[in-house]
Amino acid sequence: MSELGGIDIHAPYDQDNTFARILRGEIPSDRVHEDEDFVAFRDIAPQAPTHIVVIPRGEPPTSPAGLDSSHEPLAGRMLRVAAAIARAQGLEEGGYRLVLNCGRDAGQTVPHLHLHILGGEPLGPLA
């Protein structure tokens, strides 16, 4: 089935989703990193003292479930960029969590592949 908790991984890319609008500058964001492939910004509803969202530019898959072998360079670079941002934010020594949500039941609210960097305090265990 292509639908994961209300996010259809095979639907055409929604150019009006929140992250597409952030990329175009229509919605302001507190950016902490920008390069040719990614933009990273502070989450507006942080779940930890440091909560940064990393989004690919362009029209990526709507969720991790939409990734295929052609996206391996994107996914690998996204992890490397997230680690570099965490290091720059001073999270490396204490540790940090990287989260990719897939579908509504996992907490994904925007149909644009993205990664969360969480840290700055001890984080609770995962279920």
Protein backbone atom coordinates (compact mmCIF):
# COMPACT_ATOMS: atom_id res chain seq x y z
CA MET A 1 0.00 0.00 0.00
CA SER A 2 1.37 3.41 -0.91
CA GLU A 3 -0.36 5.41 1.80
CA LEU A 4 1.32 5.70 5.19
CA GLY A 5 -0.83 7.35 7.83
CA GLY A 6 -2.36 9.81 5.37
CA ILE A 7 0.80 10.64 3.43
CA ASP A 8 0.70 9.06 -0.02
CA ILE A 9 4.30 8.32 -0.95
CA HIS A 10 3.36 8.07 -4.63
CA ALA A 11 1.30 11.26 -4.86
CA PRO A 12 2.68 14.11 -6.95
CA TYR A 13 4.86 16.46 -4.97
CA ASP A 14 2.79 19.19 -3.27
CA GLN A 15 4.60 22.44 -4.10
CA ASP A 16 2.57 24.22 -1.44
CA ASN A 17 3.66 22.05 1.51
CA THR A 18 5.17 23.91 4.46
CA PHE A 19 8.77 22.97 3.69
CA ALA A 20 8.48 23.92 0.01
CA ARG A 21 7.21 27.31 1.17
CA ILE A 22 10.13 27.63 3.63
CA LEU A 23 12.56 26.81 0.82
CA ARG A 24 11.03 29.58 -1.32
CA GLY A 25 11.23 32.05 1.58
CA GLU A 26 7.45 32.42 1.84
CA ILE A 27 7.54 31.22 5.45
CA PRO A 28 10.33 32.62 7.63
CA SER A 29 12.70 30.21 9.36
CA ASP A 30 15.64 30.46 11.75
CA ARG A 31 18.19 28.87 9.42
CA VAL A 32 21.33 27.35 10.88
CA HIS A 33 22.69 25.79 7.67
CA GLU A 34 22.29 26.22 3.92
CA ASP A 35 24.11 24.63 1.02
CA GLU A 36 23.29 23.65 -2.54
CA ASP A 37 21.36 20.54 -1.41
CA PHE A 38 19.92 21.23 2.05
CA VAL A 39 18.46 23.84 4.37
CA ALA A 40 18.38 23.35 8.15
CA PHE A 41 16.38 25.47 10.57
CA ARG A 42 15.22 25.50 14.18
CA ASP A 43 11.88 23.74 14.72
CA ILE A 44 9.08 26.13 15.74
CA ALA A 45 7.77 23.59 18.29
CA PRO A 46 11.01 22.17 19.72
CA GLN A 47 10.94 18.79 21.45
CA ALA A 48 14.42 19.32 22.97
CA PRO A 49 16.61 22.35 23.76
CA THR A 50 18.17 21.90 20.32
CA HIS A 51 15.68 20.79 17.66
CA ILE A 52 16.73 21.38 14.08
CA VAL A 53 14.99 20.18 10.92
CA VAL A 54 17.07 19.31 7.84
CA ILE A 55 15.25 19.39 4.50
CA PRO A 56 16.48 18.67 0.99
CA ARG A 57 16.02 21.35 -1.63
CA GLY A 58 13.87 20.53 -4.64
CA GLU A 59 11.15 17.93 -4.70
CA PRO A 60 12.34 14.93 -2.66
CA PRO A 61 10.18 11.91 -1.80
CA THR A 62 7.35 12.71 0.58
CA SER A 63 8.70 10.34 3.25
CA PRO A 64 11.50 7.84 3.91
CA ALA A 65 9.26 5.14 2.40
CA GLY A 66 9.58 6.87 -0.98
CA LEU A 67 13.36 6.49 -1.07
CA ASP A 68 14.84 4.12 -3.63
CA SER A 69 18.36 3.34 -4.80
CA SER A 70 18.50 6.56 -6.83
CA HIS A 71 18.21 8.52 -3.56
CA GLU A 72 21.22 6.90 -1.87
CA PRO A 73 23.50 9.94 -2.47
CA LEU A 74 20.79 12.26 -1.10
CA ALA A 75 20.15 10.13 2.00
CA GLY A 76 23.84 9.63 2.73
CA ARG A 77 24.65 13.30 2.36
CA MET A 78 21.63 14.22 4.51
CA LEU A 79 23.06 12.12 7.37
CA ARG A 80 26.52 13.65 6.93
CA VAL A 81 25.07 17.19 6.91
CA ALA A 82 23.02 16.43 10.04
CA ALA A 83 26.13 15.14 11.85
CA ALA A 84 28.07 18.28 10.87
CA ILE A 85 25.24 20.52 12.10
CA ALA A 86 25.05 18.61 15.39
CA ARG A 87 28.81 19.06 15.81
CA ALA A 88 28.54 22.79 15.05
CA GLN A 89 25.72 23.11 17.60
CA GLY A 90 27.91 21.53 20.30
CA LEU A 91 25.87 18.33 20.54
CA GLU A 92 28.59 15.82 19.71
CA GLU A 93 30.05 15.39 23.21
CA GLY A 94 26.73 14.79 25.00
CA GLY A 95 25.08 13.04 22.09
CA TYR A 96 22.09 13.68 19.90
CA ARG A 97 19.28 11.86 18.14
CA LEU A 98 18.49 11.83 14.42
CA VAL A 99 14.85 11.09 13.59
CA LEU A 100 13.13 10.37 10.27
CA ASN A 101 9.35 10.11 10.67
CA CYS A 102 7.38 8.10 8.12
CA GLY A 103 3.62 8.68 8.04
CA ARG A 104 1.13 10.26 10.38
CA ASP A 105 1.31 7.48 13.00
CA ALA A 106 5.03 8.22 13.35
CA GLY A 107 4.37 11.94 13.70
CA GLN A 108 5.13 13.08 10.15
CA THR A 109 3.08 16.17 9.40
CA VAL A 110 4.76 17.56 6.26
CA PRO A 111 4.92 15.49 3.03
CA HIS A 112 8.56 16.37 2.25
CA LEU A 113 11.44 14.12 3.32
CA HIS A 114 13.09 15.63 6.39
CA LEU A 115 15.28 14.75 9.34
CA HIS A 116 15.15 16.03 12.92
CA ILE A 117 18.25 16.66 15.04
CA LEU A 118 17.41 16.55 18.76
CA GLY A 119 19.78 17.19 21.64
CA GLY A 120 20.96 19.52 24.35
CA GLU A 121 19.71 17.39 27.26
CA PRO A 122 19.38 13.70 28.10
CA LEU A 123 16.66 12.31 25.82
CA GLY A 124 14.29 9.62 27.04
CA PRO A 125 14.55 6.05 25.82
CA LEU A 126 12.79 4.97 22.67
CA ALA A 127 9.98 2.43 22.93
